[in-house]
Every structure is written in structure tokens, then in C-alpha cells.
Amino acid sequence: MTKVRLAKSEESRMEGLMDPSALEGMEDDPRAMGRMMRKMKKEVGEEMPPEFDDVVDRLEAGQSPEDIESAMPDLGADAGSEDGV
């Protein structure tokens, strides 16, 4: 028997990742949040900045988002601008 692979649109992949039932309680479980972010990165297939992997690693280790923000104060400092200004 041969394997069959179904192609999904980017939109349908993102909808699957953003299933509200899968997101419930995520703010209370950094490990689950880290797993979801790693899966999202894989689904999107785009290159992410090195900080992304650092944040995901910290979440998967159980570190809270608040602790990560405190430890990485420059995180996202240039978000929203392409030239960093």
C-alpha cells in the first residue's frame, strides 16, 4: 500500500493550529504553549529569528512568559518595523 499525502492550504493549517479547544488553559501551561509554538513554526515553514527558539525552549522547560520577558527585556523591541526603528 502506498502512502497518500494531502496538501493543505496555509490558511487551513493555521485554522487547525488555532483551534480554540487546543488553546484553552494554555496561559497556565508554558510547556503546552511552547509545544504549540514549535508546531506552528513547523507548519508555517518560515525562518524565525533565533530568539524564537530560545523562547520556545524556555517555555518547554516550564519558564513562565513573564519570567522570559524579564530575562529577555529586548525581546520584540523592533517588532512592527522592518528597519528596526
Protein backbone atom coordinates (compact mmCIF):
# COMPACT_ATOMS: atom_id res chain seq x y z
CA MET A 1 0.00 0.00 0.00
CA THR A 2 1.37 3.41 -0.90
CA LYS A 3 1.21 6.48 1.26
CA VAL A 4 -1.09 9.31 0.30
CA ARG A 5 -0.27 12.86 1.21
CA LEU A 6 -2.92 15.56 1.26
CA ALA A 7 -1.93 19.11 0.51
CA LYS A 8 -3.41 21.71 2.84
CA SER A 9 -3.55 25.40 2.23
CA GLU A 10 -1.67 27.64 4.63
CA GLU A 11 -5.00 29.00 5.80
CA SER A 12 -6.38 25.56 6.68
CA ARG A 13 -3.15 24.63 8.52
CA MET A 14 -3.32 27.82 10.59
CA GLU A 15 -7.00 27.26 11.36
CA GLY A 16 -6.15 23.81 12.67
CA LEU A 17 -3.46 25.23 14.93
CA MET A 18 -5.74 27.92 16.30
CA ASP A 19 -8.47 25.50 17.40
CA PRO A 20 -9.99 27.19 20.47
CA SER A 21 -10.24 23.90 22.37
CA ALA A 22 -6.49 23.38 21.90
CA LEU A 23 -5.75 26.88 23.22
CA GLU A 24 -7.80 26.54 26.43
CA GLY A 25 -5.68 26.82 29.54
CA MET A 26 -2.52 27.49 27.54
CA GLU A 27 -1.75 30.64 29.55
CA ASP A 28 -1.44 28.42 32.63
CA ASP A 29 0.79 25.82 30.96
CA PRO A 30 4.02 27.19 29.49
CA ARG A 31 5.09 23.74 28.29
CA ALA A 32 1.91 23.36 26.22
CA MET A 33 2.40 26.88 24.87
CA GLY A 34 5.96 26.01 23.84
CA ARG A 35 4.82 22.84 22.08
CA MET A 36 2.11 24.77 20.22
CA MET A 37 4.61 27.45 19.14
CA ARG A 38 7.09 24.82 17.90
CA LYS A 39 4.30 23.09 15.94
CA MET A 40 3.20 26.44 14.49
CA LYS A 41 6.76 27.19 13.35
CA LYS A 42 6.92 23.81 11.62
CA GLU A 43 3.55 24.31 9.92
CA VAL A 44 4.36 27.82 8.73
CA GLY A 45 7.74 26.70 7.41
CA GLU A 46 9.28 30.16 7.57
CA GLU A 47 12.61 31.06 9.10
CA MET A 48 12.22 32.56 12.57
CA PRO A 49 14.72 34.69 14.47
CA PRO A 50 16.99 32.80 16.89
CA GLU A 51 15.15 34.39 19.82
CA PHE A 52 12.04 32.45 18.84
CA ASP A 53 13.74 29.11 19.50
CA ASP A 54 15.16 30.44 22.77
CA VAL A 55 11.69 31.46 23.95
CA VAL A 56 10.19 28.13 22.89
CA ASP A 57 12.97 26.22 24.68
CA ARG A 58 12.33 28.25 27.85
CA LEU A 59 8.58 27.65 27.65
CA GLU A 60 9.08 23.92 27.14
CA ALA A 61 11.32 23.91 30.21
CA GLY A 62 8.41 25.37 32.20
CA GLN A 63 9.51 29.00 32.44
CA SER A 64 6.57 31.43 32.55
CA PRO A 65 6.13 34.05 29.81
CA GLU A 66 6.56 36.74 32.46
CA ASP A 67 9.90 35.30 33.57
CA ILE A 68 11.02 35.08 29.95
CA GLU A 69 10.12 38.73 29.36
CA SER A 70 12.10 39.71 32.46
CA ALA A 71 15.12 37.68 31.37
CA MET A 72 14.96 38.94 27.77
CA PRO A 73 13.99 42.64 28.03
CA ASP A 74 14.92 43.43 24.41
CA LEU A 75 12.66 40.69 23.06
CA GLY A 76 10.40 42.16 20.39
CA ALA A 77 11.94 45.62 20.68
CA ASP A 78 11.95 46.04 16.89
CA ALA A 79 8.65 44.23 16.29
CA GLY A 80 6.35 46.01 13.93
CA SER A 81 9.04 47.79 11.98
CA GLU A 82 11.08 46.33 9.18
CA ASP A 83 14.05 48.64 9.66
CA GLY A 84 14.31 48.22 13.45
CA VAL A 85 13.37 51.84 14.20
